[in-house]
Each structure stands twice: as structure tokens, then as C-alpha cells.
Full PDB file with SEQRES, HELIX, SHEET, SSBOND, CRYST1, ORIGX, SCALE, CONECT and MASTER records, all heavy atoms in Angstrom:
SEQRES   1 A   40  TYR ALA ASP SER VAL LYS GLY ARG PHE THR ILE SER SER          
SEQRES   2 A   40  ASP ASN THR LYS ASN THR VAL TYR LEU GLN MET ASN SER          
SEQRES   3 A   40  LEU LYS PRO GLU ASP THR ALA ILE TYR TYR CYS ASN ALA          
SEQRES   4 A   40  GLN                                                          
HELIX    1 AA1 ASP A    3  VAL A    5  5                                   3    
HELIX    2 AA2 PRO A   29  ASP A   31  5                                   3    
SHEET    1 AA1 2 PHE A   9  ASP A  14  0                                        
SHEET    2 AA1 2 THR A  19  MET A  24 -1                                        
CRYST1    1.000    1.000    1.000  90.00  90.00  90.00 P 1           1          
ORIGX1      1.000000  0.000000  0.000000        0.00000                         
ORIGX2      0.000000  1.000000  0.000000        0.00000                         
ORIGX3      0.000000  0.000000  1.000000        0.00000                         
SCALE1      1.000000  0.000000  0.000000        0.00000                         
SCALE2      0.000000  1.000000  0.000000        0.00000                         
SCALE3      0.000000  0.000000  1.000000        0.00000                         
ATOM      1  N   TYR A   1     -51.419 -41.893  36.663  1.00  0.00           N  
ATOM      2  CA  TYR A   1     -50.017 -42.311  36.779  1.00  0.00           C  
ATOM      3  C   TYR A   1     -49.827 -43.726  36.256  1.00  0.00           C  
ATOM      4  O   TYR A   1     -50.694 -44.584  36.359  1.00  0.00           O  
ATOM      5  CB  TYR A   1     -49.577 -42.325  38.254  1.00  0.00           C  
ATOM      6  CG  TYR A   1     -49.567 -40.977  38.905  1.00  0.00           C  
ATOM      7  CD1 TYR A   1     -50.688 -40.514  39.611  1.00  0.00           C  
ATOM      8  CD2 TYR A   1     -48.440 -40.171  38.883  1.00  0.00           C  
ATOM      9  CE1 TYR A   1     -50.675 -39.288  40.232  1.00  0.00           C  
ATOM     10  CE2 TYR A   1     -48.422 -38.929  39.502  1.00  0.00           C  
ATOM     11  CZ  TYR A   1     -49.555 -38.489  40.180  1.00  0.00           C  
ATOM     12  OH  TYR A   1     -49.522 -37.285  40.812  1.00  0.00           O  
ATOM     13  N   ALA A   2     -48.634 -43.934  35.698  1.00  0.00           N  
ATOM     14  CA  ALA A   2     -48.227 -45.296  35.370  1.00  0.00           C  
ATOM     15  C   ALA A   2     -48.047 -46.084  36.674  1.00  0.00           C  
ATOM     16  O   ALA A   2     -47.611 -45.518  37.683  1.00  0.00           O  
ATOM     17  CB  ALA A   2     -46.949 -45.293  34.585  1.00  0.00           C  
ATOM     18  N   ASP A   3     -48.382 -47.381  36.638  1.00  0.00           N  
ATOM     19  CA  ASP A   3     -48.246 -48.206  37.845  1.00  0.00           C  
ATOM     20  C   ASP A   3     -46.838 -48.170  38.406  1.00  0.00           C  
ATOM     21  O   ASP A   3     -46.621 -48.252  39.613  1.00  0.00           O  
ATOM     22  CB  ASP A   3     -48.672 -49.634  37.542  1.00  0.00           C  
ATOM     23  CG  ASP A   3     -50.165 -49.788  37.348  1.00  0.00           C  
ATOM     24  OD1 ASP A   3     -50.924 -48.875  37.795  1.00  0.00           O  
ATOM     25  OD2 ASP A   3     -50.591 -50.787  36.781  1.00  0.00           O  
ATOM     26  N   SER A   4     -45.843 -48.098  37.544  1.00  0.00           N  
ATOM     27  CA  SER A   4     -44.473 -48.165  37.939  1.00  0.00           C  
ATOM     28  C   SER A   4     -44.006 -46.959  38.776  1.00  0.00           C  
ATOM     29  O   SER A   4     -42.969 -47.032  39.443  1.00  0.00           O  
ATOM     30  CB  SER A   4     -43.551 -48.315  36.743  1.00  0.00           C  
ATOM     31  OG  SER A   4     -43.701 -47.240  35.850  1.00  0.00           O  
ATOM     32  N   VAL A   5     -44.752 -45.848  38.726  1.00  0.00           N  
ATOM     33  CA  VAL A   5     -44.332 -44.651  39.465  1.00  0.00           C  
ATOM     34  C   VAL A   5     -45.326 -44.239  40.538  1.00  0.00           C  
ATOM     35  O   VAL A   5     -45.050 -43.271  41.273  1.00  0.00           O  
ATOM     36  CB  VAL A   5     -44.102 -43.462  38.496  1.00  0.00           C  
ATOM     37  CG1 VAL A   5     -43.127 -43.860  37.392  1.00  0.00           C  
ATOM     38  CG2 VAL A   5     -45.420 -42.980  37.907  1.00  0.00           C  
ATOM     39  N   LYS A   6     -46.430 -44.950  40.678  1.00  0.00           N  
ATOM     40  CA  LYS A   6     -47.405 -44.592  41.699  1.00  0.00           C  
ATOM     41  C   LYS A   6     -46.796 -44.664  43.084  1.00  0.00           C  
ATOM     42  O   LYS A   6     -46.085 -45.603  43.423  1.00  0.00           O  
ATOM     43  CB  LYS A   6     -48.622 -45.533  41.618  1.00  0.00           C  
ATOM     44  CG  LYS A   6     -49.549 -45.269  40.442  1.00  0.00           C  
ATOM     45  CD  LYS A   6     -50.733 -46.250  40.442  1.00  0.00           C  
ATOM     46  CE  LYS A   6     -51.657 -45.961  39.279  1.00  0.00           C  
ATOM     47  NZ  LYS A   6     -52.778 -46.935  39.219  1.00  0.00           N  
ATOM     48  N   GLY A   7     -47.065 -43.644  43.851  1.00  0.00           N  
ATOM     49  CA  GLY A   7     -46.534 -43.579  45.193  1.00  0.00           C  
ATOM     50  C   GLY A   7     -45.162 -42.930  45.281  1.00  0.00           C  
ATOM     51  O   GLY A   7     -44.693 -42.605  46.375  1.00  0.00           O  
ATOM     52  N   ARG A   8     -44.487 -42.769  44.149  1.00  0.00           N  
ATOM     53  CA  ARG A   8     -43.166 -42.177  44.123  1.00  0.00           C  
ATOM     54  C   ARG A   8     -43.112 -40.840  43.404  1.00  0.00           C  
ATOM     55  O   ARG A   8     -42.368 -39.937  43.777  1.00  0.00           O  
ATOM     56  CB  ARG A   8     -42.164 -43.125  43.469  1.00  0.00           C  
ATOM     57  CG  ARG A   8     -42.011 -44.463  44.179  1.00  0.00           C  
ATOM     58  CD  ARG A   8     -40.854 -45.280  43.600  1.00  0.00           C  
ATOM     59  NE  ARG A   8     -41.067 -45.611  42.187  1.00  0.00           N  
ATOM     60  CZ  ARG A   8     -40.278 -45.236  41.195  1.00  0.00           C  
ATOM     61  NH1 ARG A   8     -39.191 -44.529  41.447  1.00  0.00           N  
ATOM     62  NH2 ARG A   8     -40.545 -45.600  39.936  1.00  0.00           N  
ATOM     63  N   PHE A   9     -43.907 -40.714  42.345  1.00  0.00           N  
ATOM     64  CA  PHE A   9     -43.933 -39.494  41.519  1.00  0.00           C  
ATOM     65  C   PHE A   9     -45.223 -38.740  41.778  1.00  0.00           C  
ATOM     66  O   PHE A   9     -46.276 -39.362  41.988  1.00  0.00           O  
ATOM     67  CB  PHE A   9     -43.840 -39.803  40.037  1.00  0.00           C  
ATOM     68  CG  PHE A   9     -42.504 -40.349  39.565  1.00  0.00           C  
ATOM     69  CD1 PHE A   9     -41.511 -40.721  40.460  1.00  0.00           C  
ATOM     70  CD2 PHE A   9     -42.276 -40.483  38.223  1.00  0.00           C  
ATOM     71  CE1 PHE A   9     -40.297 -41.257  40.034  1.00  0.00           C  
ATOM     72  CE2 PHE A   9     -41.062 -40.990  37.771  1.00  0.00           C  
ATOM     73  CZ  PHE A   9     -40.063 -41.376  38.668  1.00  0.00           C  
ATOM     74  N   THR A  10     -45.162 -37.422  41.669  1.00  0.00           N  
ATOM     75  CA  THR A  10     -46.328 -36.595  41.813  1.00  0.00           C  
ATOM     76  C   THR A  10     -46.334 -35.527  40.700  1.00  0.00           C  
ATOM     77  O   THR A  10     -45.372 -34.795  40.544  1.00  0.00           O  
ATOM     78  CB  THR A  10     -46.402 -35.881  43.171  1.00  0.00           C  
ATOM     79  OG1 THR A  10     -46.383 -36.845  44.214  1.00  0.00           O  
ATOM     80  CG2 THR A  10     -47.657 -35.043  43.277  1.00  0.00           C  
ATOM     81  N   ILE A  11     -47.420 -35.484  39.943  1.00  0.00           N  
ATOM     82  CA  ILE A  11     -47.558 -34.473  38.905  1.00  0.00           C  
ATOM     83  C   ILE A  11     -48.441 -33.354  39.418  1.00  0.00           C  
ATOM     84  O   ILE A  11     -49.405 -33.588  40.141  1.00  0.00           O  
ATOM     85  CB  ILE A  11     -48.127 -35.081  37.590  1.00  0.00           C  
ATOM     86  CG1 ILE A  11     -48.046 -34.056  36.453  1.00  0.00           C  
ATOM     87  CG2 ILE A  11     -49.564 -35.570  37.797  1.00  0.00           C  
ATOM     88  CD1 ILE A  11     -48.380 -34.664  35.089  1.00  0.00           C  
ATOM     89  N   SER A  12     -48.098 -32.133  39.086  1.00  0.00           N  
ATOM     90  CA  SER A  12     -48.878 -30.973  39.464  1.00  0.00           C  
ATOM     91  C   SER A  12     -48.762 -29.916  38.394  1.00  0.00           C  
ATOM     92  O   SER A  12     -47.923 -30.039  37.483  1.00  0.00           O  
ATOM     93  CB  SER A  12     -48.409 -30.419  40.819  1.00  0.00           C  
ATOM     94  OG  SER A  12     -47.067 -30.000  40.762  1.00  0.00           O  
ATOM     95  N   SER A  13     -49.596 -28.919  38.450  1.00  0.00           N  
ATOM     96  CA  SER A  13     -49.562 -27.879  37.424  1.00  0.00           C  
ATOM     97  C   SER A  13     -49.959 -26.534  37.996  1.00  0.00           C  
ATOM     98  O   SER A  13     -50.625 -26.428  39.038  1.00  0.00           O  
ATOM     99  CB  SER A  13     -50.510 -28.223  36.263  1.00  0.00           C  
ATOM    100  OG  SER A  13     -51.854 -28.299  36.700  1.00  0.00           O  
ATOM    101  N   ASP A  14     -49.501 -25.518  37.339  1.00  0.00           N  
ATOM    102  CA  ASP A  14     -49.872 -24.145  37.636  1.00  0.00           C  
ATOM    103  C   ASP A  14     -50.493 -23.601  36.349  1.00  0.00           C  
ATOM    104  O   ASP A  14     -49.777 -23.226  35.431  1.00  0.00           O  
ATOM    105  CB  ASP A  14     -48.673 -23.322  38.055  1.00  0.00           C  
ATOM    106  CG  ASP A  14     -49.023 -21.898  38.476  1.00  0.00           C  
ATOM    107  OD1 ASP A  14     -50.073 -21.386  38.031  1.00  0.00           O  
ATOM    108  OD2 ASP A  14     -48.263 -21.292  39.255  1.00  0.00           O  
ATOM    109  N   ASN A  15     -51.819 -23.589  36.305  1.00  0.00           N  
ATOM    110  CA  ASN A  15     -52.497 -23.187  35.075  1.00  0.00           C  
ATOM    111  C   ASN A  15     -52.249 -21.717  34.740  1.00  0.00           C  
ATOM    112  O   ASN A  15     -52.242 -21.362  33.543  1.00  0.00           O  
ATOM    113  CB  ASN A  15     -54.014 -23.439  35.207  1.00  0.00           C  
ATOM    114  CG  ASN A  15     -54.342 -24.911  35.289  1.00  0.00           C  
ATOM    115  OD1 ASN A  15     -53.604 -25.757  34.787  1.00  0.00           O  
ATOM    116  ND2 ASN A  15     -55.471 -25.235  35.903  1.00  0.00           N  
ATOM    117  N   THR A  16     -52.032 -20.904  35.729  1.00  0.00           N  
ATOM    118  CA  THR A  16     -51.743 -19.490  35.472  1.00  0.00           C  
ATOM    119  C   THR A  16     -50.447 -19.316  34.690  1.00  0.00           C  
ATOM    120  O   THR A  16     -50.334 -18.451  33.818  1.00  0.00           O  
ATOM    121  CB  THR A  16     -51.693 -18.693  36.784  1.00  0.00           C  
ATOM    122  OG1 THR A  16     -52.936 -18.812  37.454  1.00  0.00           O  
ATOM    123  CG2 THR A  16     -51.398 -17.240  36.511  1.00  0.00           C  
ATOM    124  N   LYS A  17     -49.460 -20.169  35.005  1.00  0.00           N  
ATOM    125  CA  LYS A  17     -48.155 -20.079  34.354  1.00  0.00           C  
ATOM    126  C   LYS A  17     -47.982 -21.083  33.221  1.00  0.00           C  
ATOM    127  O   LYS A  17     -46.911 -21.181  32.637  1.00  0.00           O  
ATOM    128  CB  LYS A  17     -47.046 -20.287  35.389  1.00  0.00           C  
ATOM    129  CG  LYS A  17     -47.020 -19.208  36.476  1.00  0.00           C  
ATOM    130  CD  LYS A  17     -45.722 -19.247  37.275  1.00  0.00           C  
ATOM    131  CE  LYS A  17     -45.594 -20.510  38.095  1.00  0.00           C  
ATOM    132  NZ  LYS A  17     -44.385 -20.481  38.981  1.00  0.00           N  
ATOM    133  N   ASN A  18     -49.029 -21.854  32.926  1.00  0.00           N  
ATOM    134  CA  ASN A  18     -48.981 -22.885  31.863  1.00  0.00           C  
ATOM    135  C   ASN A  18     -47.789 -23.804  32.090  1.00  0.00           C  
ATOM    136  O   ASN A  18     -47.031 -24.118  31.145  1.00  0.00           O  
ATOM    137  CB  ASN A  18     -48.934 -22.244  30.486  1.00  0.00           C  
ATOM    138  CG  ASN A  18     -50.246 -21.600  30.087  1.00  0.00           C  
ATOM    139  OD1 ASN A  18     -51.311 -21.998  30.555  1.00  0.00           O  
ATOM    140  ND2 ASN A  18     -50.169 -20.593  29.221  1.00  0.00           N  
ATOM    141  N   THR A  19     -47.623 -24.241  33.305  1.00  0.00           N  
ATOM    142  CA  THR A  19     -46.460 -25.034  33.684  1.00  0.00           C  
ATOM    143  C   THR A  19     -46.901 -26.333  34.375  1.00  0.00           C  
ATOM    144  O   THR A  19     -47.830 -26.304  35.180  1.00  0.00           O  
ATOM    145  CB  THR A  19     -45.520 -24.240  34.607  1.00  0.00           C  
ATOM    146  OG1 THR A  19     -45.067 -23.068  33.926  1.00  0.00           O  
ATOM    147  CG2 THR A  19     -44.315 -25.067  35.015  1.00  0.00           C  
ATOM    148  N   VAL A  20     -46.230 -27.424  34.045  1.00  0.00           N  
ATOM    149  CA  VAL A  20     -46.458 -28.696  34.708  1.00  0.00           C  
ATOM    150  C   VAL A  20     -45.165 -29.139  35.374  1.00  0.00           C  
ATOM    151  O   VAL A  20     -44.086 -28.858  34.875  1.00  0.00           O  
ATOM    152  CB  VAL A  20     -46.953 -29.750  33.691  1.00  0.00           C  
ATOM    153  CG1 VAL A  20     -45.921 -30.047  32.637  1.00  0.00           C  
ATOM    154  CG2 VAL A  20     -47.402 -31.020  34.418  1.00  0.00           C  
ATOM    155  N   TYR A  21     -45.305 -29.802  36.516  1.00  0.00           N  
ATOM    156  CA  TYR A  21     -44.169 -30.280  37.274  1.00  0.00           C  
ATOM    157  C   TYR A  21     -44.266 -31.776  37.495  1.00  0.00           C  
ATOM    158  O   TYR A  21     -45.357 -32.355  37.549  1.00  0.00           O  
ATOM    159  CB  TYR A  21     -44.099 -29.585  38.638  1.00  0.00           C  
ATOM    160  CG  TYR A  21     -44.135 -28.086  38.587  1.00  0.00           C  
ATOM    161  CD1 TYR A  21     -45.345 -27.391  38.681  1.00  0.00           C  
ATOM    162  CD2 TYR A  21     -42.970 -27.352  38.412  1.00  0.00           C  
ATOM    163  CE1 TYR A  21     -45.382 -26.012  38.626  1.00  0.00           C  
ATOM    164  CE2 TYR A  21     -42.983 -25.973  38.347  1.00  0.00           C  
ATOM    165  CZ  TYR A  21     -44.210 -25.297  38.464  1.00  0.00           C  
ATOM    166  OH  TYR A  21     -44.241 -23.924  38.409  1.00  0.00           O  
ATOM    167  N   LEU A  22     -43.124 -32.419  37.655  1.00  0.00           N  
ATOM    168  CA  LEU A  22     -43.076 -33.815  38.026  1.00  0.00           C  
ATOM    169  C   LEU A  22     -42.081 -33.972  39.170  1.00  0.00           C  
ATOM    170  O   LEU A  22     -40.875 -33.839  38.969  1.00  0.00           O  
ATOM    171  CB  LEU A  22     -42.672 -34.698  36.851  1.00  0.00           C  
ATOM    172  CG  LEU A  22     -42.719 -36.192  37.119  1.00  0.00           C  
ATOM    173  CD1 LEU A  22     -44.161 -36.665  37.335  1.00  0.00           C  
ATOM    174  CD2 LEU A  22     -42.076 -36.981  35.990  1.00  0.00           C  
ATOM    175  N   GLN A  23     -42.584 -34.186  40.374  1.00  0.00           N  
ATOM    176  CA  GLN A  23     -41.749 -34.450  41.543  1.00  0.00           C  
ATOM    177  C   GLN A  23     -41.448 -35.934  41.579  1.00  0.00           C  
ATOM    178  O   GLN A  23     -42.367 -36.742  41.716  1.00  0.00           O  
ATOM    179  CB  GLN A  23     -42.425 -34.006  42.832  1.00  0.00           C  
ATOM    180  CG  GLN A  23     -41.613 -34.252  44.079  1.00  0.00           C  
ATOM    181  CD  GLN A  23     -40.346 -33.444  44.117  1.00  0.00           C  
ATOM    182  OE1 GLN A  23     -40.363 -32.242  43.861  1.00  0.00           O  
ATOM    183  NE2 GLN A  23     -39.225 -34.080  44.441  1.00  0.00           N  
ATOM    184  N   MET A  24     -40.189 -36.305  41.469  1.00  0.00           N  
ATOM    185  CA  MET A  24     -39.783 -37.694  41.434  1.00  0.00           C  
ATOM    186  C   MET A  24     -38.996 -38.025  42.711  1.00  0.00           C  
ATOM    187  O   MET A  24     -37.936 -37.450  42.938  1.00  0.00           O  
ATOM    188  CB  MET A  24     -38.931 -37.982  40.197  1.00  0.00           C  
ATOM    189  CG  MET A  24     -39.629 -37.627  38.886  1.00  0.00           C  
ATOM    190  SD  MET A  24     -38.670 -38.090  37.426  1.00  0.00           S  
ATOM    191  CE  MET A  24     -37.293 -36.946  37.592  1.00  0.00           C  
ATOM    192  N   ASN A  25     -39.536 -38.913  43.515  1.00  0.00           N  
ATOM    193  CA  ASN A  25     -38.895 -39.350  44.741  1.00  0.00           C  
ATOM    194  C   ASN A  25     -38.563 -40.824  44.675  1.00  0.00           C  
ATOM    195  O   ASN A  25     -39.108 -41.559  43.850  1.00  0.00           O  
ATOM    196  CB  ASN A  25     -39.811 -39.064  45.946  1.00  0.00           C  
ATOM    197  CG  ASN A  25     -40.113 -37.602  46.143  1.00  0.00           C  
ATOM    198  OD1 ASN A  25     -39.271 -36.736  45.897  1.00  0.00           O  
ATOM    199  ND2 ASN A  25     -41.327 -37.299  46.607  1.00  0.00           N  
ATOM    200  N   SER A  26     -37.698 -41.261  45.567  1.00  0.00           N  
ATOM    201  CA  SER A  26     -37.309 -42.681  45.649  1.00  0.00           C  
ATOM    202  C   SER A  26     -36.920 -43.220  44.276  1.00  0.00           C  
ATOM    203  O   SER A  26     -37.341 -44.279  43.854  1.00  0.00           O  
ATOM    204  CB  SER A  26     -38.440 -43.507  46.253  1.00  0.00           C  
ATOM    205  OG  SER A  26     -38.793 -43.058  47.545  1.00  0.00           O  
ATOM    206  N   LEU A  27     -36.080 -42.476  43.590  1.00  0.00           N  
ATOM    207  CA  LEU A  27     -35.712 -42.831  42.221  1.00  0.00           C  
ATOM    208  C   LEU A  27     -34.939 -44.130  42.145  1.00  0.00           C  
ATOM    209  O   LEU A  27     -34.130 -44.442  43.037  1.00  0.00           O  
ATOM    210  CB  LEU A  27     -34.913 -41.705  41.591  1.00  0.00           C  
ATOM    211  CG  LEU A  27     -35.750 -40.492  41.144  1.00  0.00           C  
ATOM    212  CD1 LEU A  27     -34.873 -39.262  40.939  1.00  0.00           C  
ATOM    213  CD2 LEU A  27     -36.505 -40.827  39.849  1.00  0.00           C  
ATOM    214  N   LYS A  28     -35.220 -44.885  41.109  1.00  0.00           N  
ATOM    215  CA  LYS A  28     -34.583 -46.173  40.853  1.00  0.00           C  
ATOM    216  C   LYS A  28     -33.803 -46.112  39.550  1.00  0.00           C  
ATOM    217  O   LYS A  28     -34.118 -45.304  38.685  1.00  0.00           O  
ATOM    218  CB  LYS A  28     -35.648 -47.263  40.770  1.00  0.00           C  
ATOM    219  CG  LYS A  28     -36.583 -47.356  41.965  1.00  0.00           C  
ATOM    220  CD  LYS A  28     -37.665 -48.380  41.711  1.00  0.00           C  
ATOM    221  CE  LYS A  28     -38.595 -48.496  42.897  1.00  0.00           C  
ATOM    222  NZ  LYS A  28     -39.695 -49.480  42.653  1.00  0.00           N  
ATOM    223  N   PRO A  29     -32.797 -46.992  39.388  1.00  0.00           N  
ATOM    224  CA  PRO A  29     -32.060 -46.997  38.101  1.00  0.00           C  
ATOM    225  C   PRO A  29     -32.981 -47.201  36.904  1.00  0.00           C  
ATOM    226  O   PRO A  29     -32.705 -46.659  35.823  1.00  0.00           O  
ATOM    227  CB  PRO A  29     -31.110 -48.188  38.276  1.00  0.00           C  
ATOM    228  CG  PRO A  29     -30.870 -48.232  39.748  1.00  0.00           C  
ATOM    229  CD  PRO A  29     -32.191 -47.863  40.383  1.00  0.00           C  
ATOM    230  N   GLU A  30     -34.058 -47.961  37.068  1.00  0.00           N  
ATOM    231  CA  GLU A  30     -34.970 -48.189  35.953  1.00  0.00           C  
ATOM    232  C   GLU A  30     -35.778 -46.951  35.577  1.00  0.00           C  
ATOM    233  O   GLU A  30     -36.500 -46.948  34.569  1.00  0.00           O  
ATOM    234  CB  GLU A  30     -35.911 -49.348  36.241  1.00  0.00           C  
ATOM    235  CG  GLU A  30     -36.605 -49.268  37.594  1.00  0.00           C  
ATOM    236  CD  GLU A  30     -35.900 -50.120  38.641  1.00  0.00           C  
ATOM    237  OE1 GLU A  30     -34.670 -50.045  38.756  1.00  0.00           O  
ATOM    238  OE2 GLU A  30     -36.590 -50.856  39.374  1.00  0.00           O  
ATOM    239  N   ASP A  31     -35.692 -45.872  36.358  1.00  0.00           N  
ATOM    240  CA  ASP A  31     -36.317 -44.597  36.004  1.00  0.00           C  
ATOM    241  C   ASP A  31     -35.469 -43.829  35.008  1.00  0.00           C  
ATOM    242  O   ASP A  31     -35.910 -42.814  34.474  1.00  0.00           O  
ATOM    243  CB  ASP A  31     -36.549 -43.734  37.244  1.00  0.00           C  
ATOM    244  CG  ASP A  31     -37.561 -44.337  38.193  1.00  0.00           C  
ATOM    245  OD1 ASP A  31     -38.600 -44.855  37.709  1.00  0.00           O  
ATOM    246  OD2 ASP A  31     -37.341 -44.282  39.397  1.00  0.00           O  
ATOM    247  N   THR A  32     -34.256 -44.276  34.754  1.00  0.00           N  
ATOM    248  CA  THR A  32     -33.370 -43.583  33.818  1.00  0.00           C  
ATOM    249  C   THR A  32     -33.986 -43.570  32.416  1.00  0.00           C  
ATOM    250  O   THR A  32     -34.373 -44.626  31.892  1.00  0.00           O  
ATOM    251  CB  THR A  32     -31.999 -44.288  33.756  1.00  0.00           C  
ATOM    252  OG1 THR A  32     -31.366 -44.172  35.023  1.00  0.00           O  
ATOM    253  CG2 THR A  32     -31.115 -43.645  32.698  1.00  0.00           C  
ATOM    254  N   ALA A  33     -34.116 -42.365  31.846  1.00  0.00           N  
ATOM    255  CA  ALA A  33     -34.743 -42.211  30.554  1.00  0.00           C  
ATOM    256  C   ALA A  33     -34.661 -40.751  30.155  1.00  0.00           C  
ATOM    257  O   ALA A  33     -34.293 -39.879  30.929  1.00  0.00           O  
ATOM    258  CB  ALA A  33     -36.200 -42.667  30.577  1.00  0.00           C  
ATOM    259  N   ILE A  34     -35.034 -40.490  28.917  1.00  0.00           N  
ATOM    260  CA  ILE A  34     -35.293 -39.123  28.500  1.00  0.00           C  
ATOM    261  C   ILE A  34     -36.769 -38.844  28.806  1.00  0.00           C  
ATOM    262  O   ILE A  34     -37.653 -39.608  28.376  1.00  0.00           O  
ATOM    263  CB  ILE A  34     -35.006 -38.893  26.999  1.00  0.00           C  
ATOM    264  CG1 ILE A  34     -33.562 -39.182  26.682  1.00  0.00           C  
ATOM    265  CG2 ILE A  34     -35.359 -37.469  26.612  1.00  0.00           C  
ATOM    266  CD1 ILE A  34     -33.199 -39.077  25.212  1.00  0.00           C  
ATOM    267  N   TYR A  35     -37.025 -37.791  29.527  1.00  0.00           N  
ATOM    268  CA  TYR A  35     -38.362 -37.428  29.928  1.00  0.00           C  
ATOM    269  C   TYR A  35     -38.875 -36.297  29.025  1.00  0.00           C  
ATOM    270  O   TYR A  35     -38.218 -35.274  28.871  1.00  0.00           O  
ATOM    271  CB  TYR A  35     -38.425 -36.996  31.379  1.00  0.00           C  
ATOM    272  CG  TYR A  35     -38.353 -38.163  32.328  1.00  0.00           C  
ATOM    273  CD1 TYR A  35     -37.183 -38.919  32.470  1.00  0.00           C  
ATOM    274  CD2 TYR A  35     -39.481 -38.563  33.059  1.00  0.00           C  
ATOM    275  CE1 TYR A  35     -37.147 -40.018  33.318  1.00  0.00           C  
ATOM    276  CE2 TYR A  35     -39.446 -39.660  33.915  1.00  0.00           C  
ATOM    277  CZ  TYR A  35     -38.269 -40.380  34.029  1.00  0.00           C  
ATOM    278  OH  TYR A  35     -38.217 -41.461  34.886  1.00  0.00           O  
ATOM    279  N   TYR A  36     -40.065 -36.499  28.443  1.00  0.00           N  
ATOM    280  CA  TYR A  36     -40.645 -35.548  27.515  1.00  0.00           C  
ATOM    281  C   TYR A  36     -41.917 -34.941  28.098  1.00  0.00           C  
ATOM    282  O   TYR A  36     -42.759 -35.671  28.609  1.00  0.00           O  
ATOM    283  CB  TYR A  36     -40.982 -36.207  26.171  1.00  0.00           C  
ATOM    284  CG  TYR A  36     -39.780 -36.707  25.390  1.00  0.00           C  
ATOM    285  CD1 TYR A  36     -39.309 -38.001  25.564  1.00  0.00           C  
ATOM    286  CD2 TYR A  36     -39.144 -35.872  24.483  1.00  0.00           C  
ATOM    287  CE1 TYR A  36     -38.212 -38.454  24.835  1.00  0.00           C  
ATOM    288  CE2 TYR A  36     -38.046 -36.313  23.761  1.00  0.00           C  
ATOM    289  CZ  TYR A  36     -37.587 -37.606  23.943  1.00  0.00           C  
ATOM    290  OH  TYR A  36     -36.509 -38.071  23.200  1.00  0.00           O  
ATOM    291  N   CYS A  37     -42.038 -33.665  27.962  1.00  0.00           N  
ATOM    292  CA  CYS A  37     -43.248 -32.971  28.298  1.00  0.00           C  
ATOM    293  C   CYS A  37     -44.234 -32.990  27.151  1.00  0.00           C  
ATOM    294  O   CYS A  37     -43.838 -32.920  25.985  1.00  0.00           O  
ATOM    295  CB  CYS A  37     -42.924 -31.531  28.689  1.00  0.00           C  
ATOM    296  SG  CYS A  37     -44.359 -30.510  29.149  1.00  0.00           S  
ATOM    297  N   ASN A  38     -45.520 -33.103  27.462  1.00  0.00           N  
ATOM    298  CA  ASN A  38     -46.575 -33.167  26.451  1.00  0.00           C  
ATOM    299  C   ASN A  38     -47.717 -32.274  26.889  1.00  0.00           C  
ATOM    300  O   ASN A  38     -48.011 -32.163  28.078  1.00  0.00           O  
ATOM    301  CB  ASN A  38     -47.042 -34.632  26.314  1.00  0.00           C  
ATOM    302  CG  ASN A  38     -48.368 -34.779  25.579  1.00  0.00           C  
ATOM    303  OD1 ASN A  38     -49.416 -34.589  26.189  1.00  0.00           O  
ATOM    304  ND2 ASN A  38     -48.295 -35.134  24.332  1.00  0.00           N  
ATOM    305  N   ALA A  39     -48.340 -31.623  25.921  1.00  0.00           N  
ATOM    306  CA  ALA A  39     -49.483 -30.766  26.245  1.00  0.00           C  
ATOM    307  C   ALA A  39     -50.514 -30.796  25.148  1.00  0.00           C  
ATOM    308  O   ALA A  39     -50.176 -30.805  23.949  1.00  0.00           O  
ATOM    309  CB  ALA A  39     -49.035 -29.321  26.501  1.00  0.00           C  
ATOM    310  N   GLN A  40     -51.765 -30.822  25.539  1.00  0.00           N  
ATOM    311  CA  GLN A  40     -52.892 -30.701  24.620  1.00  0.00           C  
ATOM    312  C   GLN A  40     -53.330 -29.244  24.652  1.00  0.00           C  
ATOM    313  O   GLN A  40     -53.929 -28.814  25.628  1.00  0.00           O  
ATOM    314  CB  GLN A  40     -54.014 -31.646  25.017  1.00  0.00           C  
ATOM    315  CG  GLN A  40     -55.144 -31.730  24.037  1.00  0.00           C  
ATOM    316  CD  GLN A  40     -56.159 -32.813  24.446  1.00  0.00           C  
ATOM    317  OE1 GLN A  40     -55.853 -33.739  25.193  1.00  0.00           O  
ATOM    318  NE2 GLN A  40     -57.373 -32.697  23.965  1.00  0.00           N  
TER     319      GLN A  40                                                      
MASTER        0    0    0    2    2    0    0    6  318    1    0    4          
END                                                                             
């Protein structure tokens, strides 16, 4: 995790469904952005 989101965001995945999730809590105005998914 980036230091700026530690303790607030949680990443998880379901390998069977090839899906990744990002649970974002305690959101701040500085979290405003376009969020992009990436996969290797």
C-alpha cells in the first residue's frame, strides 16, 4: 500500500474470478482522482 492510504484502504482479490477489489474507507478530498486497474 501507498503510505497515504494505509489503514484506510484494503485491496483484495478473487483469483477464481480474476477480479481485484479496493475497499476505500474514511475517504478524504485528496483521494479524488481517476483510479486505474492494473494487472500483470
